Amino acid sequence: MMKSLQRVSLALSVSVLLAACGAAPKDGSEDTTYYYANPKGRSAVAPVQAPPPPPALSGPAGVARIVYFDFDKYDVKPEYRSIVEAHARYMRERPQARVVLEGHTDARGGRSYNVALGQRRAEAVRQAMQLGGVPGERMEAISWGMEKPASLEKTEAGYQLNRRVEFVYR
């Protein structure tokens, strides 16, 4: 008898609770159309204005954002030094700028070897940027190895496009 009374009491409590949750105000103020159609019914609290996002940094205008490497090498070739110097100058003039140097390789070789080679390439560009006056803590050197190819061609021209470091500004 006691358990039966408890069950009935519980069922009534749940019914009352569900009925109370489903009851909407008679004036329709819970309806979004009411809210937008009746601006006087809105709260007097002013909306919070989020600060505008900082301007996106994209690097120096008119300067390539990629440095290419020879097969199985990680030294910055002389023809790319001016690109690295331009990015270093850009970073020196903008103390808020941060850059990620993403190292990549072609698909030849093992996965772990290519990750290590991509890291050495990114570190070589990072070191050249540091020599150009950019503080090391504003740069991050990472490796994608062969995971993000720029070209899927199995030709020397396709492989060349994959052996690179990309400048990605944050």
N, C-alpha and C. Protein backbone atom coordinates (compact mmCIF):
# COMPACT_ATOMS: atom_id res chain seq x y z
N MET A 1 0.83 -1.19 0.00
CA MET A 1 0.00 0.00 0.00
C MET A 1 0.87 1.25 0.00
N MET A 2 1.94 1.20 0.79
CA MET A 2 2.83 2.36 0.90
C MET A 2 3.51 2.64 -0.44
N LYS A 3 4.00 1.56 -1.11
CA LYS A 3 4.67 1.72 -2.40
C LYS A 3 3.70 2.23 -3.45
N SER A 4 2.51 1.80 -3.39
CA SER A 4 1.49 2.24 -4.34
C SER A 4 1.21 3.73 -4.17
N LEU A 5 1.15 4.17 -2.93
CA LEU A 5 0.91 5.59 -2.63
C LEU A 5 2.10 6.44 -3.09
N GLN A 6 3.31 5.92 -2.92
CA GLN A 6 4.51 6.64 -3.38
C GLN A 6 4.52 6.78 -4.90
N ARG A 7 4.12 5.71 -5.59
CA ARG A 7 4.09 5.77 -7.05
C ARG A 7 3.08 6.79 -7.56
N VAL A 8 1.91 6.83 -6.94
CA VAL A 8 0.88 7.79 -7.33
C VAL A 8 1.37 9.20 -7.06
N SER A 9 2.01 9.41 -5.92
CA SER A 9 2.53 10.72 -5.55
C SER A 9 3.62 11.16 -6.54
N LEU A 10 4.50 10.23 -6.92
CA LEU A 10 5.55 10.54 -7.88
C LEU A 10 4.96 10.87 -9.25
N ALA A 11 3.99 10.11 -9.68
CA ALA A 11 3.36 10.35 -10.97
C ALA A 11 2.68 11.71 -11.00
N LEU A 12 2.00 12.08 -9.91
CA LEU A 12 1.35 13.39 -9.84
C LEU A 12 2.39 14.51 -9.86
N SER A 13 3.47 14.33 -9.17
CA SER A 13 4.53 15.35 -9.14
C SER A 13 5.11 15.56 -10.53
N VAL A 14 5.37 14.47 -11.24
CA VAL A 14 5.92 14.57 -12.58
C VAL A 14 4.91 15.25 -13.50
N SER A 15 3.65 14.91 -13.38
CA SER A 15 2.61 15.51 -14.23
C SER A 15 2.52 17.01 -14.00
N VAL A 16 2.55 17.43 -12.73
CA VAL A 16 2.48 18.86 -12.40
C VAL A 16 3.72 19.58 -12.95
N LEU A 17 4.88 18.97 -12.80
CA LEU A 17 6.11 19.57 -13.28
C LEU A 17 6.10 19.71 -14.81
N LEU A 18 5.67 18.69 -15.52
CA LEU A 18 5.59 18.75 -16.97
C LEU A 18 4.58 19.79 -17.44
N ALA A 19 3.48 19.88 -16.76
CA ALA A 19 2.46 20.87 -17.14
C ALA A 19 3.00 22.28 -16.92
N ALA A 20 3.74 22.48 -15.85
CA ALA A 20 4.29 23.81 -15.57
C ALA A 20 5.35 24.18 -16.61
N CYS A 21 6.14 23.20 -17.05
CA CYS A 21 7.17 23.49 -18.05
C CYS A 21 6.56 23.82 -19.40
N GLY A 22 5.47 23.20 -19.73
CA GLY A 22 4.84 23.42 -21.02
C GLY A 22 3.99 24.66 -21.08
N ALA A 23 3.68 25.26 -19.97
CA ALA A 23 2.81 26.43 -19.97
C ALA A 23 3.57 27.65 -20.47
N ALA A 24 3.05 28.29 -21.48
CA ALA A 24 3.67 29.49 -22.03
C ALA A 24 2.90 30.71 -21.55
N PRO A 25 3.57 31.83 -21.39
CA PRO A 25 2.86 33.04 -21.00
C PRO A 25 1.78 33.36 -22.04
N LYS A 26 0.68 33.91 -21.55
CA LYS A 26 -0.46 34.21 -22.41
C LYS A 26 -0.16 35.31 -23.42
N ASP A 27 0.82 36.20 -23.13
CA ASP A 27 1.09 37.32 -24.03
C ASP A 27 1.99 36.95 -25.21
N GLY A 28 2.43 35.69 -25.29
CA GLY A 28 3.27 35.26 -26.41
C GLY A 28 4.71 35.72 -26.30
N SER A 29 5.14 36.20 -25.13
CA SER A 29 6.49 36.75 -24.99
C SER A 29 7.59 35.71 -25.13
N GLU A 30 7.25 34.43 -25.12
CA GLU A 30 8.27 33.39 -25.33
C GLU A 30 8.48 33.09 -26.80
N ASP A 31 7.65 33.64 -27.66
CA ASP A 31 7.74 33.42 -29.09
C ASP A 31 8.74 34.42 -29.69
N THR A 32 9.66 33.94 -30.54
CA THR A 32 10.67 34.83 -31.12
C THR A 32 10.04 35.90 -32.01
N THR A 33 8.94 35.55 -32.67
CA THR A 33 8.29 36.57 -33.50
C THR A 33 7.76 37.70 -32.64
N TYR A 34 7.27 37.39 -31.43
CA TYR A 34 6.81 38.42 -30.50
C TYR A 34 7.98 39.33 -30.12
N TYR A 35 9.10 38.72 -29.83
CA TYR A 35 10.28 39.47 -29.39
C TYR A 35 10.71 40.48 -30.45
N TYR A 36 10.81 40.04 -31.68
CA TYR A 36 11.27 40.93 -32.74
C TYR A 36 10.20 41.93 -33.19
N ALA A 37 8.93 41.56 -33.03
CA ALA A 37 7.84 42.46 -33.43
C ALA A 37 7.52 43.50 -32.36
N ASN A 38 7.96 43.29 -31.13
CA ASN A 38 7.64 44.19 -30.02
C ASN A 38 8.92 44.67 -29.35
N PRO A 39 9.58 45.65 -29.93
CA PRO A 39 10.85 46.10 -29.35
C PRO A 39 10.69 46.67 -27.95
N LYS A 40 9.50 47.15 -27.58
CA LYS A 40 9.31 47.70 -26.24
C LYS A 40 9.31 46.61 -25.18
N GLY A 41 9.03 45.38 -25.59
CA GLY A 41 9.01 44.27 -24.65
C GLY A 41 10.40 43.74 -24.34
N ARG A 42 11.39 44.27 -25.02
CA ARG A 42 12.76 43.80 -24.82
C ARG A 42 13.35 44.37 -23.53
N SER A 43 14.41 43.76 -23.10
CA SER A 43 15.12 44.20 -21.91
C SER A 43 15.76 45.55 -22.15
N ALA A 44 15.88 46.34 -21.12
CA ALA A 44 16.50 47.66 -21.22
C ALA A 44 18.02 47.59 -21.17
N VAL A 45 18.58 46.41 -20.98
CA VAL A 45 20.02 46.24 -20.91
C VAL A 45 20.60 46.36 -22.31
N ALA A 46 21.62 47.20 -22.44
CA ALA A 46 22.26 47.39 -23.75
C ALA A 46 23.03 46.13 -24.12
N PRO A 47 23.02 45.75 -25.39
CA PRO A 47 23.78 44.56 -25.79
C PRO A 47 25.28 44.81 -25.63
N VAL A 48 25.98 43.78 -25.31
CA VAL A 48 27.42 43.86 -25.14
C VAL A 48 28.06 43.88 -26.53
N GLN A 49 28.94 44.83 -26.74
CA GLN A 49 29.65 44.94 -28.01
C GLN A 49 31.00 44.24 -27.89
N ALA A 50 31.19 43.21 -28.70
CA ALA A 50 32.48 42.52 -28.72
C ALA A 50 33.48 43.41 -29.45
N PRO A 51 34.72 43.41 -28.99
CA PRO A 51 35.73 44.22 -29.69
C PRO A 51 35.93 43.66 -31.09
N PRO A 52 36.23 44.52 -32.03
CA PRO A 52 36.46 44.03 -33.39
C PRO A 52 37.69 43.14 -33.42
N PRO A 53 37.67 42.13 -34.28
CA PRO A 53 38.85 41.27 -34.35
C PRO A 53 40.05 42.04 -34.89
N PRO A 54 41.24 41.66 -34.47
CA PRO A 54 42.42 42.36 -34.98
C PRO A 54 42.51 42.14 -36.49
N PRO A 55 43.11 43.08 -37.19
CA PRO A 55 43.22 42.91 -38.64
C PRO A 55 44.05 41.66 -38.96
N ALA A 56 43.61 40.96 -39.96
CA ALA A 56 44.32 39.74 -40.34
C ALA A 56 45.69 40.10 -40.92
N LEU A 57 46.68 39.41 -40.46
CA LEU A 57 48.03 39.61 -40.97
C LEU A 57 48.27 38.59 -42.06
N SER A 58 48.69 39.05 -43.19
CA SER A 58 48.89 38.12 -44.29
C SER A 58 50.32 38.14 -44.80
N GLY A 59 51.16 38.87 -44.16
CA GLY A 59 52.55 38.93 -44.60
C GLY A 59 52.79 40.12 -45.51
N PRO A 60 54.02 40.29 -45.92
CA PRO A 60 54.36 41.44 -46.76
C PRO A 60 53.66 41.34 -48.13
N ALA A 61 53.14 42.48 -48.56
CA ALA A 61 52.43 42.53 -49.85
C ALA A 61 53.40 42.28 -51.00
N GLY A 62 52.94 41.49 -51.92
CA GLY A 62 53.74 41.24 -53.12
C GLY A 62 54.93 40.33 -52.93
N VAL A 63 55.03 39.67 -51.78
CA VAL A 63 56.17 38.78 -51.52
C VAL A 63 55.63 37.35 -51.40
N ALA A 64 56.33 36.42 -52.03
CA ALA A 64 55.93 35.01 -51.97
C ALA A 64 55.88 34.53 -50.53
N ARG A 65 55.01 33.59 -50.26
CA ARG A 65 54.86 33.02 -48.92
C ARG A 65 55.37 31.58 -48.85
N ILE A 66 56.14 31.21 -49.86
CA ILE A 66 56.67 29.85 -49.93
C ILE A 66 58.14 29.90 -50.32
N VAL A 67 58.93 29.07 -49.66
CA VAL A 67 60.35 28.88 -49.98
C VAL A 67 60.49 27.41 -50.37
N TYR A 68 61.12 27.15 -51.51
CA TYR A 68 61.27 25.78 -52.00
C TYR A 68 62.67 25.24 -51.73
N PHE A 69 62.78 23.91 -51.68
CA PHE A 69 64.04 23.24 -51.34
C PHE A 69 64.36 22.18 -52.38
N ASP A 70 65.65 21.84 -52.45
CA ASP A 70 66.09 20.76 -53.32
C ASP A 70 65.78 19.43 -52.64
N PHE A 71 65.84 18.36 -53.43
CA PHE A 71 65.58 17.02 -52.93
C PHE A 71 66.52 16.68 -51.77
N ASP A 72 65.94 16.25 -50.66
CA ASP A 72 66.68 15.78 -49.49
C ASP A 72 67.57 16.86 -48.87
N LYS A 73 67.24 18.14 -49.08
CA LYS A 73 68.01 19.25 -48.54
C LYS A 73 67.12 20.13 -47.67
N TYR A 74 67.79 20.88 -46.78
CA TYR A 74 67.05 21.80 -45.93
C TYR A 74 67.73 23.15 -45.77
N ASP A 75 68.72 23.43 -46.62
CA ASP A 75 69.35 24.75 -46.58
C ASP A 75 68.55 25.71 -47.46
N VAL A 76 68.42 26.96 -46.99
CA VAL A 76 67.69 27.97 -47.75
C VAL A 76 68.56 28.38 -48.94
N LYS A 77 68.04 28.17 -50.13
CA LYS A 77 68.80 28.47 -51.35
C LYS A 77 68.93 29.98 -51.53
N PRO A 78 70.03 30.43 -52.15
CA PRO A 78 70.26 31.88 -52.32
C PRO A 78 69.10 32.62 -52.99
N GLU A 79 68.42 31.99 -53.94
CA GLU A 79 67.32 32.68 -54.63
C GLU A 79 66.09 32.92 -53.75
N TYR A 80 66.07 32.29 -52.56
CA TYR A 80 64.93 32.50 -51.65
C TYR A 80 65.29 33.36 -50.44
N ARG A 81 66.53 33.75 -50.32
CA ARG A 81 66.94 34.57 -49.17
C ARG A 81 66.23 35.91 -49.14
N SER A 82 65.98 36.52 -50.29
CA SER A 82 65.29 37.81 -50.32
C SER A 82 63.85 37.67 -49.82
N ILE A 83 63.23 36.53 -50.06
CA ILE A 83 61.87 36.28 -49.55
C ILE A 83 61.91 36.19 -48.03
N VAL A 84 62.86 35.44 -47.51
CA VAL A 84 62.99 35.29 -46.06
C VAL A 84 63.30 36.65 -45.42
N GLU A 85 64.17 37.43 -46.05
CA GLU A 85 64.49 38.76 -45.52
C GLU A 85 63.28 39.68 -45.52
N ALA A 86 62.45 39.61 -46.56
CA ALA A 86 61.25 40.44 -46.62
C ALA A 86 60.27 40.07 -45.51
N HIS A 87 60.15 38.78 -45.23
CA HIS A 87 59.27 38.34 -44.13
C HIS A 87 59.85 38.75 -42.78
N ALA A 88 61.16 38.68 -42.65
CA ALA A 88 61.79 39.12 -41.39
C ALA A 88 61.57 40.61 -41.18
N ARG A 89 61.72 41.41 -42.22
CA ARG A 89 61.47 42.85 -42.13
C ARG A 89 60.00 43.12 -41.73
N TYR A 90 59.08 42.41 -42.35
CA TYR A 90 57.66 42.53 -42.03
C TYR A 90 57.41 42.24 -40.55
N MET A 91 58.02 41.17 -40.04
CA MET A 91 57.85 40.79 -38.63
C MET A 91 58.48 41.82 -37.69
N ARG A 92 59.63 42.35 -38.05
CA ARG A 92 60.28 43.36 -37.20
C ARG A 92 59.42 44.61 -37.10
N GLU A 93 58.76 45.00 -38.18
CA GLU A 93 57.93 46.21 -38.20
C GLU A 93 56.58 46.02 -37.52
N ARG A 94 56.19 44.80 -37.24
CA ARG A 94 54.90 44.50 -36.62
C ARG A 94 55.10 43.60 -35.41
N PRO A 95 55.30 44.18 -34.25
CA PRO A 95 55.59 43.37 -33.07
C PRO A 95 54.46 42.42 -32.67
N GLN A 96 53.24 42.66 -33.15
CA GLN A 96 52.13 41.79 -32.81
C GLN A 96 52.07 40.56 -33.72
N ALA A 97 52.80 40.58 -34.81
CA ALA A 97 52.74 39.49 -35.80
C ALA A 97 53.37 38.21 -35.26
N ARG A 98 52.73 37.10 -35.59
CA ARG A 98 53.23 35.77 -35.27
C ARG A 98 53.17 34.97 -36.57
N VAL A 99 54.12 34.09 -36.76
CA VAL A 99 54.14 33.28 -37.98
C VAL A 99 54.42 31.83 -37.63
N VAL A 100 53.74 30.95 -38.36
CA VAL A 100 54.01 29.51 -38.28
C VAL A 100 54.73 29.15 -39.57
N LEU A 101 55.86 28.53 -39.44
CA LEU A 101 56.64 28.09 -40.59
C LEU A 101 56.37 26.60 -40.76
N GLU A 102 55.63 26.27 -41.81
CA GLU A 102 55.19 24.89 -42.04
C GLU A 102 56.09 24.20 -43.05
N GLY A 103 56.84 23.21 -42.58
CA GLY A 103 57.74 22.46 -43.44
C GLY A 103 57.03 21.29 -44.11
N HIS A 104 57.34 21.08 -45.40
CA HIS A 104 56.72 20.01 -46.19
C HIS A 104 57.79 19.26 -46.98
N THR A 105 57.45 18.05 -47.37
CA THR A 105 58.34 17.23 -48.19
C THR A 105 57.54 16.59 -49.33
N ASP A 106 58.26 15.99 -50.27
CA ASP A 106 57.56 15.20 -51.28
C ASP A 106 57.29 13.81 -50.70
N ALA A 107 56.64 12.95 -51.48
CA ALA A 107 56.19 11.66 -50.96
C ALA A 107 57.28 10.58 -50.96
N ARG A 108 58.45 10.88 -51.46
CA ARG A 108 59.50 9.87 -51.49
C ARG A 108 60.14 9.77 -50.11
N GLY A 109 60.42 8.57 -49.68
CA GLY A 109 61.02 8.36 -48.37
C GLY A 109 59.96 7.95 -47.35
N GLY A 110 60.42 7.53 -46.20
CA GLY A 110 59.51 7.09 -45.14
C GLY A 110 58.82 8.26 -44.45
N ARG A 111 57.72 7.95 -43.80
CA ARG A 111 56.92 8.97 -43.13
C ARG A 111 57.71 9.68 -42.03
N SER A 112 58.38 8.95 -41.16
CA SER A 112 59.11 9.59 -40.05
C SER A 112 60.31 10.38 -40.58
N TYR A 113 60.96 9.87 -41.61
CA TYR A 113 62.07 10.62 -42.20
C TYR A 113 61.57 11.95 -42.76
N ASN A 114 60.44 11.92 -43.45
CA ASN A 114 59.91 13.13 -44.06
C ASN A 114 59.43 14.14 -43.01
N VAL A 115 58.88 13.67 -41.92
CA VAL A 115 58.49 14.59 -40.85
C VAL A 115 59.73 15.30 -40.30
N ALA A 116 60.81 14.53 -40.10
CA ALA A 116 62.06 15.12 -39.60
C ALA A 116 62.65 16.09 -40.61
N LEU A 117 62.61 15.75 -41.91
CA LEU A 117 63.15 16.63 -42.94
C LEU A 117 62.32 17.92 -43.03
N GLY A 118 61.01 17.80 -42.97
CA GLY A 118 60.14 18.99 -42.99
C GLY A 118 60.43 19.90 -41.80
N GLN A 119 60.70 19.30 -40.64
CA GLN A 119 61.02 20.09 -39.44
C GLN A 119 62.35 20.81 -39.62
N ARG A 120 63.34 20.13 -40.18
CA ARG A 120 64.65 20.77 -40.43
C ARG A 120 64.50 21.94 -41.40
N ARG A 121 63.65 21.79 -42.40
CA ARG A 121 63.42 22.89 -43.35
C ARG A 121 62.77 24.08 -42.65
N ALA A 122 61.76 23.81 -41.85
CA ALA A 122 61.09 24.90 -41.13
C ALA A 122 62.06 25.57 -40.15
N GLU A 123 62.88 24.78 -39.48
CA GLU A 123 63.87 25.34 -38.54
C GLU A 123 64.93 26.16 -39.28
N ALA A 124 65.30 25.76 -40.50
CA ALA A 124 66.29 26.53 -41.27
C ALA A 124 65.73 27.91 -41.60
N VAL A 125 64.47 27.99 -41.98
CA VAL A 125 63.85 29.28 -42.27
C VAL A 125 63.71 30.08 -40.98
N ARG A 126 63.36 29.42 -39.90
CA ARG A 126 63.24 30.10 -38.60
C ARG A 126 64.58 30.71 -38.18
N GLN A 127 65.64 29.96 -38.34
CA GLN A 127 66.97 30.46 -37.98
C GLN A 127 67.35 31.66 -38.85
N ALA A 128 67.04 31.59 -40.15
CA ALA A 128 67.35 32.72 -41.03
C ALA A 128 66.54 33.96 -40.62
N MET A 129 65.29 33.75 -40.18
CA MET A 129 64.46 34.87 -39.72
C MET A 129 65.03 35.45 -38.42
N GLN A 130 65.52 34.59 -37.55
CA GLN A 130 66.14 35.08 -36.31
C GLN A 130 67.39 35.89 -36.62
N LEU A 131 68.18 35.44 -37.57
CA LEU A 131 69.36 36.21 -37.97
C LEU A 131 68.94 37.56 -38.56
N GLY A 132 67.72 37.62 -39.08
CA GLY A 132 67.18 38.87 -39.62
C GLY A 132 66.53 39.74 -38.56
N GLY A 133 66.62 39.35 -37.28
CA GLY A 133 66.15 40.18 -36.19
C GLY A 133 64.78 39.87 -35.64
N VAL A 134 64.19 38.74 -36.01
CA VAL A 134 62.87 38.36 -35.49
C VAL A 134 63.06 37.51 -34.25
N PRO A 135 62.43 37.88 -33.13
CA PRO A 135 62.55 37.06 -31.92
C PRO A 135 61.97 35.66 -32.13
N GLY A 136 62.68 34.68 -31.65
CA GLY A 136 62.28 33.29 -31.84
C GLY A 136 60.92 32.95 -31.28
N GLU A 137 60.51 33.60 -30.20
CA GLU A 137 59.22 33.27 -29.57
C GLU A 137 58.02 33.71 -30.42
N ARG A 138 58.25 34.49 -31.46
CA ARG A 138 57.16 34.93 -32.34
C ARG A 138 57.02 34.04 -33.56
N MET A 139 57.82 32.97 -33.62
CA MET A 139 57.78 32.04 -34.74
C MET A 139 57.64 30.63 -34.21
N GLU A 140 56.91 29.83 -34.96
CA GLU A 140 56.77 28.41 -34.63
C GLU A 140 57.11 27.61 -35.88
N ALA A 141 58.01 26.68 -35.75
CA ALA A 141 58.40 25.83 -36.86
C ALA A 141 57.77 24.46 -36.65
N ILE A 142 56.96 24.03 -37.63
CA ILE A 142 56.32 22.72 -37.55
C ILE A 142 56.55 21.96 -38.86
N SER A 143 56.29 20.67 -38.84
CA SER A 143 56.45 19.86 -40.03
C SER A 143 55.17 19.09 -40.32
N TRP A 144 54.78 19.11 -41.58
CA TRP A 144 53.69 18.28 -42.05
C TRP A 144 54.24 17.07 -42.81
N GLY A 145 55.55 17.04 -43.01
CA GLY A 145 56.13 15.93 -43.77
C GLY A 145 55.50 15.89 -45.15
N MET A 146 55.02 14.71 -45.53
CA MET A 146 54.40 14.55 -46.85
C MET A 146 52.87 14.57 -46.76
N GLU A 147 52.32 14.98 -45.62
CA GLU A 147 50.88 14.88 -45.37
C GLU A 147 50.02 15.91 -46.09
N LYS A 148 50.56 17.03 -46.49
CA LYS A 148 49.79 18.08 -47.16
C LYS A 148 50.47 18.47 -48.46
N PRO A 149 50.38 17.62 -49.46
CA PRO A 149 51.07 17.92 -50.71
C PRO A 149 50.42 19.09 -51.45
N ALA A 150 51.24 19.88 -52.10
CA ALA A 150 50.74 20.95 -52.97
C ALA A 150 50.42 20.38 -54.34
N SER A 151 51.05 19.27 -54.70
CA SER A 151 50.83 18.62 -55.97
C SER A 151 50.77 17.11 -55.76
N LEU A 152 49.87 16.47 -56.49
CA LEU A 152 49.77 15.00 -56.42
C LEU A 152 50.48 14.33 -57.60
N GLU A 153 51.09 15.14 -58.47
CA GLU A 153 51.80 14.60 -59.62
C GLU A 153 53.05 13.84 -59.17
N LYS A 154 53.28 12.72 -59.80
CA LYS A 154 54.47 11.90 -59.51
C LYS A 154 55.57 12.21 -60.53
N THR A 155 55.80 13.51 -60.73
CA THR A 155 56.85 13.98 -61.63
C THR A 155 57.81 14.84 -60.83
N GLU A 156 58.95 15.12 -61.41
CA GLU A 156 59.91 15.98 -60.70
C GLU A 156 59.31 17.36 -60.44
N ALA A 157 58.54 17.88 -61.39
CA ALA A 157 57.89 19.19 -61.20
C ALA A 157 56.89 19.12 -60.04
N GLY A 158 56.13 18.04 -59.94
CA GLY A 158 55.19 17.87 -58.84
C GLY A 158 55.90 17.72 -57.50
N TYR A 159 56.96 16.93 -57.49
CA TYR A 159 57.74 16.76 -56.26
C TYR A 159 58.33 18.09 -55.79
N GLN A 160 58.81 18.90 -56.74
CA GLN A 160 59.42 20.19 -56.40
C GLN A 160 58.42 21.09 -55.68
N LEU A 161 57.17 21.07 -56.10
CA LEU A 161 56.15 21.91 -55.46
C LEU A 161 55.89 21.49 -54.01
N ASN A 162 56.17 20.25 -53.69
CA ASN A 162 55.91 19.74 -52.34
C ASN A 162 57.07 19.99 -51.37
N ARG A 163 58.26 20.21 -51.87
CA ARG A 163 59.43 20.45 -51.01
C ARG A 163 59.48 21.93 -50.68
N ARG A 164 58.86 22.32 -49.56
CA ARG A 164 58.66 23.75 -49.30
C ARG A 164 58.50 24.04 -47.82
N VAL A 165 58.60 25.35 -47.51
CA VAL A 165 58.19 25.90 -46.21
C VAL A 165 57.22 27.02 -46.53
N GLU A 166 56.07 27.01 -45.87
CA GLU A 166 55.06 28.04 -46.07
C GLU A 166 55.02 28.96 -44.85
N PHE A 167 54.85 30.26 -45.10
CA PHE A 167 54.70 31.27 -44.05
C PHE A 167 53.19 31.41 -43.80
N VAL A 168 52.75 31.11 -42.59
CA VAL A 168 51.33 31.23 -42.23
C VAL A 168 51.24 32.19 -41.05
N TYR A 169 50.68 33.37 -41.28
CA TYR A 169 50.60 34.40 -40.24
C TYR A 169 49.38 34.19 -39.37
N ARG A 170 49.53 34.44 -38.07
CA ARG A 170 48.44 34.26 -37.09
C ARG A 170 48.21 35.57 -36.39
